[in-house]
Amino acid sequence: MADAKWLVDDTVTIGVQVNGKTAGTIELALDADEETAVAAAKALDSVGRQLAGKSVAKVIYKAGKILNLIAK
């Protein structure tokens, strides 16, 4: 019989969007909060390029699913 603790993932890969357009993916812990997700996303080169010279006006974060940064 398999041990149940090995059958459960403790990380999840979520998509990152900037203004609704895909910018990449990040891998986070299942219980990661919005602040952690945004910091990981901003560390991506593709997100950094799209946010250059802009400020983040709104953050839409669905835990374990997607992160969308609205930049102005």
C-alpha atoms as a PDB file:
ATOM      1  CA  MET A   1       0.000   0.000   0.000  1.00  0.00           C
ATOM      2  CA  ALA A   2       1.328   3.450  -0.928  1.00  0.00           C
ATOM      3  CA  ASP A   3       1.931   6.021   1.772  1.00  0.00           C
ATOM      4  CA  ALA A   4      -0.619   8.831   1.298  1.00  0.00           C
ATOM      5  CA  LYS A   5       1.837  11.606   2.169  1.00  0.00           C
ATOM      6  CA  TRP A   6       3.836  10.829  -1.006  1.00  0.00           C
ATOM      7  CA  LEU A   7       0.762  11.016  -3.222  1.00  0.00           C
ATOM      8  CA  VAL A   8      -0.001  14.666  -2.459  1.00  0.00           C
ATOM      9  CA  ASP A   9       1.872  17.499  -4.173  1.00  0.00           C
ATOM     10  CA  ASP A  10       3.100  20.277  -1.910  1.00  0.00           C
ATOM     11  CA  THR A  11       3.716  22.719  -4.773  1.00  0.00           C
ATOM     12  CA  VAL A  12       1.630  23.963  -7.670  1.00  0.00           C
ATOM     13  CA  THR A  13       2.535  25.636 -10.965  1.00  0.00           C
ATOM     14  CA  ILE A  14       0.366  28.647 -11.776  1.00  0.00           C
ATOM     15  CA  GLY A  15       0.162  30.906 -14.799  1.00  0.00           C
ATOM     16  CA  VAL A  16       1.215  34.536 -14.596  1.00  0.00           C
ATOM     17  CA  GLN A  17      -0.447  37.190 -16.725  1.00  0.00           C
ATOM     18  CA  VAL A  18       0.256  40.880 -17.176  1.00  0.00           C
ATOM     19  CA  ASN A  19      -2.803  42.809 -18.381  1.00  0.00           C
ATOM     20  CA  GLY A  20      -4.454  39.515 -19.334  1.00  0.00           C
ATOM     21  CA  LYS A  21      -1.586  38.276 -21.515  1.00  0.00           C
ATOM     22  CA  THR A  22       0.435  35.230 -20.518  1.00  0.00           C
ATOM     23  CA  ALA A  23       3.889  36.159 -19.229  1.00  0.00           C
ATOM     24  CA  GLY A  24       5.072  32.845 -17.776  1.00  0.00           C
ATOM     25  CA  THR A  25       4.578  30.369 -14.971  1.00  0.00           C
ATOM     26  CA  ILE A  26       5.764  30.159 -11.380  1.00  0.00           C
ATOM     27  CA  GLU A  27       5.941  27.289  -8.926  1.00  0.00           C
ATOM     28  CA  LEU A  28       4.607  28.007  -5.448  1.00  0.00           C
ATOM     29  CA  ALA A  29       3.737  26.169  -2.270  1.00  0.00           C
ATOM     30  CA  LEU A  30       0.072  25.201  -2.077  1.00  0.00           C
ATOM     31  CA  ASP A  31      -0.486  27.603   0.815  1.00  0.00           C
ATOM     32  CA  ALA A  32       1.407  30.559  -0.715  1.00  0.00           C
ATOM     33  CA  ASP A  33      -0.208  33.936  -0.145  1.00  0.00           C
ATOM     34  CA  GLU A  34      -0.706  36.735  -2.682  1.00  0.00           C
ATOM     35  CA  GLU A  35       2.388  38.622  -1.545  1.00  0.00           C
ATOM     36  CA  THR A  36       4.623  35.594  -2.150  1.00  0.00           C
ATOM     37  CA  ALA A  37       3.078  34.968  -5.570  1.00  0.00           C
ATOM     38  CA  VAL A  38       3.571  38.580  -6.691  1.00  0.00           C
ATOM     39  CA  ALA A  39       7.203  38.580  -5.541  1.00  0.00           C
ATOM     40  CA  ALA A  40       7.903  35.348  -7.439  1.00  0.00           C
ATOM     41  CA  ALA A  41       6.194  36.697 -10.562  1.00  0.00           C
ATOM     42  CA  LYS A  42       8.143  39.962 -10.510  1.00  0.00           C
ATOM     43  CA  ALA A  43      11.363  37.915 -10.428  1.00  0.00           C
ATOM     44  CA  LEU A  44      10.556  36.533 -13.906  1.00  0.00           C
ATOM     45  CA  ASP A  45      12.345  38.343 -16.755  1.00  0.00           C
ATOM     46  CA  SER A  46       9.248  38.338 -18.966  1.00  0.00           C
ATOM     47  CA  VAL A  47       7.116  39.945 -16.259  1.00  0.00           C
ATOM     48  CA  GLY A  48       9.812  42.503 -15.483  1.00  0.00           C
ATOM     49  CA  ARG A  49       9.937  43.573 -19.139  1.00  0.00           C
ATOM     50  CA  GLN A  50       6.161  43.987 -19.333  1.00  0.00           C
ATOM     51  CA  LEU A  51       6.061  45.963 -16.079  1.00  0.00           C
ATOM     52  CA  ALA A  52       9.011  48.227 -16.968  1.00  0.00           C
ATOM     53  CA  GLY A  53       8.081  51.842 -16.303  1.00  0.00           C
ATOM     54  CA  LYS A  54       4.610  50.889 -15.075  1.00  0.00           C
ATOM     55  CA  SER A  55       3.072  50.416 -11.672  1.00  0.00           C
ATOM     56  CA  VAL A  56       0.814  47.542 -10.665  1.00  0.00           C
ATOM     57  CA  ALA A  57      -2.681  48.979 -10.280  1.00  0.00           C
ATOM     58  CA  LYS A  58      -4.467  45.751  -9.352  1.00  0.00           C
ATOM     59  CA  VAL A  59      -3.570  42.166  -8.491  1.00  0.00           C
ATOM     60  CA  ILE A  60      -5.939  39.294  -9.215  1.00  0.00           C
ATOM     61  CA  TYR A  61      -4.791  36.109  -7.476  1.00  0.00           C
ATOM     62  CA  LYS A  62      -6.720  32.858  -7.460  1.00  0.00           C
ATOM     63  CA  ALA A  63      -4.714  30.611  -5.129  1.00  0.00           C
ATOM     64  CA  GLY A  64      -3.381  27.568  -6.924  1.00  0.00           C
ATOM     65  CA  LYS A  65      -4.718  28.692 -10.304  1.00  0.00           C
ATOM     66  CA  ILE A  66      -3.594  32.049 -11.731  1.00  0.00           C
ATOM     67  CA  LEU A  67      -2.016  35.422 -11.002  1.00  0.00           C
ATOM     68  CA  ASN A  68      -2.914  38.451 -13.128  1.00  0.00           C
ATOM     69  CA  LEU A  69      -1.130  41.775 -12.669  1.00  0.00           C
ATOM     70  CA  ILE A  70      -2.927  44.827 -14.055  1.00  0.00           C
ATOM     71  CA  ALA A  71      -0.347  47.498 -14.878  1.00  0.00           C
ATOM     72  CA  LYS A  72      -0.886  51.166 -15.674  1.00  0.00           C
END
